[in-house]
């Protein structure tokens, strides 16, 4: 059978819904909006305002801010 137009959209939507209801692995991926075909998801496929990883700048010769401890008063 050849599907054209709305029939194609309807059949693919039905296939995806069938996978979700039978709880297959690809159904879970479709349900949560993840990549389905084995792509990596560490850096790609991000949605929203995520641009990338930002690191705080450290002055040369200075210790990182997390390593500094406040001095205790006696």
C-alpha atoms as a PDB file:
ATOM      1  CA  UNK A   1       0.000   0.000   0.000  1.00  0.00           C
ATOM      2  CA  UNK A   2       1.107   3.541  -0.707  1.00  0.00           C
ATOM      3  CA  UNK A   3       0.169   6.231   1.789  1.00  0.00           C
ATOM      4  CA  UNK A   4      -0.064   9.863   0.703  1.00  0.00           C
ATOM      5  CA  UNK A   5      -0.846  13.065   2.603  1.00  0.00           C
ATOM      6  CA  UNK A   6      -2.988  12.722   5.719  1.00  0.00           C
ATOM      7  CA  UNK A   7      -2.985   8.918   5.500  1.00  0.00           C
ATOM      8  CA  UNK A   8       0.796   8.928   5.892  1.00  0.00           C
ATOM      9  CA  UNK A   9       0.649  11.231   8.924  1.00  0.00           C
ATOM     10  CA  UNK A  10      -2.150   9.150  10.469  1.00  0.00           C
ATOM     11  CA  UNK A  11      -0.342   5.826   9.953  1.00  0.00           C
ATOM     12  CA  UNK A  12       2.966   7.049  11.418  1.00  0.00           C
ATOM     13  CA  UNK A  13       1.134   8.538  14.423  1.00  0.00           C
ATOM     14  CA  UNK A  14      -0.670   5.215  14.937  1.00  0.00           C
ATOM     15  CA  UNK A  15       2.641   3.303  14.740  1.00  0.00           C
ATOM     16  CA  UNK A  16       4.234   5.552  17.353  1.00  0.00           C
ATOM     17  CA  UNK A  17       1.196   5.305  19.658  1.00  0.00           C
ATOM     18  CA  UNK A  18       1.237   1.500  19.325  1.00  0.00           C
ATOM     19  CA  UNK A  19       4.888   1.421  20.394  1.00  0.00           C
ATOM     20  CA  UNK A  20       4.129   3.673  23.363  1.00  0.00           C
ATOM     21  CA  UNK A  21       1.196   1.543  24.539  1.00  0.00           C
ATOM     22  CA  UNK A  22       3.096  -1.747  24.142  1.00  0.00           C
ATOM     23  CA  UNK A  23       5.943  -0.150  26.108  1.00  0.00           C
ATOM     24  CA  UNK A  24       8.738  -0.989  23.713  1.00  0.00           C
ATOM     25  CA  UNK A  25      12.128   0.686  24.063  1.00  0.00           C
ATOM     26  CA  UNK A  26      11.479   3.025  21.156  1.00  0.00           C
ATOM     27  CA  UNK A  27       8.059   3.756  22.648  1.00  0.00           C
ATOM     28  CA  UNK A  28       9.714   4.995  25.839  1.00  0.00           C
ATOM     29  CA  UNK A  29      12.078   7.151  23.793  1.00  0.00           C
ATOM     30  CA  UNK A  30       9.155   8.662  21.850  1.00  0.00           C
ATOM     31  CA  UNK A  31       7.215   9.234  25.061  1.00  0.00           C
ATOM     32  CA  UNK A  32       9.992  11.205  26.731  1.00  0.00           C
ATOM     33  CA  UNK A  33      11.086  13.065  23.590  1.00  0.00           C
ATOM     34  CA  UNK A  34      14.520  11.443  23.353  1.00  0.00           C
ATOM     35  CA  UNK A  35      16.401  10.328  20.246  1.00  0.00           C
ATOM     36  CA  UNK A  36      15.064   7.001  18.990  1.00  0.00           C
ATOM     37  CA  UNK A  37      17.566   5.754  16.417  1.00  0.00           C
ATOM     38  CA  UNK A  38      20.687   5.379  18.554  1.00  0.00           C
ATOM     39  CA  UNK A  39      22.166   8.862  18.322  1.00  0.00           C
ATOM     40  CA  UNK A  40      24.260  10.297  21.130  1.00  0.00           C
ATOM     41  CA  UNK A  41      22.396  12.702  23.399  1.00  0.00           C
ATOM     42  CA  UNK A  42      25.123  14.209  25.550  1.00  0.00           C
ATOM     43  CA  UNK A  43      25.520  17.396  23.520  1.00  0.00           C
ATOM     44  CA  UNK A  44      22.904  17.236  20.764  1.00  0.00           C
ATOM     45  CA  UNK A  45      19.138  17.202  20.908  1.00  0.00           C
ATOM     46  CA  UNK A  46      18.898  19.772  23.667  1.00  0.00           C
ATOM     47  CA  UNK A  47      15.765  21.865  23.767  1.00  0.00           C
ATOM     48  CA  UNK A  48      15.104  25.196  25.420  1.00  0.00           C
ATOM     49  CA  UNK A  49      17.617  27.908  26.223  1.00  0.00           C
ATOM     50  CA  UNK A  50      20.560  25.584  26.903  1.00  0.00           C
ATOM     51  CA  UNK A  51      23.611  26.951  25.085  1.00  0.00           C
ATOM     52  CA  UNK A  52      26.460  24.919  26.540  1.00  0.00           C
ATOM     53  CA  UNK A  53      28.617  24.389  29.561  1.00  0.00           C
ATOM     54  CA  UNK A  54      30.108  27.516  31.101  1.00  0.00           C
ATOM     55  CA  UNK A  55      33.080  27.350  33.416  1.00  0.00           C
ATOM     56  CA  UNK A  56      34.098  30.056  35.852  1.00  0.00           C
ATOM     57  CA  UNK A  57      37.364  31.784  35.045  1.00  0.00           C
ATOM     58  CA  UNK A  58      40.223  31.429  37.518  1.00  0.00           C
ATOM     59  CA  UNK A  59      42.979  34.041  37.756  1.00  0.00           C
ATOM     60  CA  UNK A  60      46.456  32.606  37.068  1.00  0.00           C
ATOM     61  CA  UNK A  61      48.235  31.636  40.278  1.00  0.00           C
ATOM     62  CA  UNK A  62      45.067  31.912  42.382  1.00  0.00           C
ATOM     63  CA  UNK A  63      43.341  28.989  44.025  1.00  0.00           C
ATOM     64  CA  UNK A  64      39.816  28.113  42.857  1.00  0.00           C
ATOM     65  CA  UNK A  65      36.975  29.753  44.778  1.00  0.00           C
ATOM     66  CA  UNK A  66      35.697  26.415  46.060  1.00  0.00           C
ATOM     67  CA  UNK A  67      39.049  25.561  47.661  1.00  0.00           C
ATOM     68  CA  UNK A  68      39.241  28.758  49.720  1.00  0.00           C
ATOM     69  CA  UNK A  69      37.896  28.466  53.239  1.00  0.00           C
ATOM     70  CA  UNK A  70      36.955  31.417  55.428  1.00  0.00           C
ATOM     71  CA  UNK A  71      39.241  32.071  58.354  1.00  0.00           C
ATOM     72  CA  UNK A  72      37.848  31.166  61.765  1.00  0.00           C
ATOM     73  CA  UNK A  73      37.890  33.753  64.540  1.00  0.00           C
ATOM     74  CA  UNK A  74      38.915  32.692  68.035  1.00  0.00           C
END
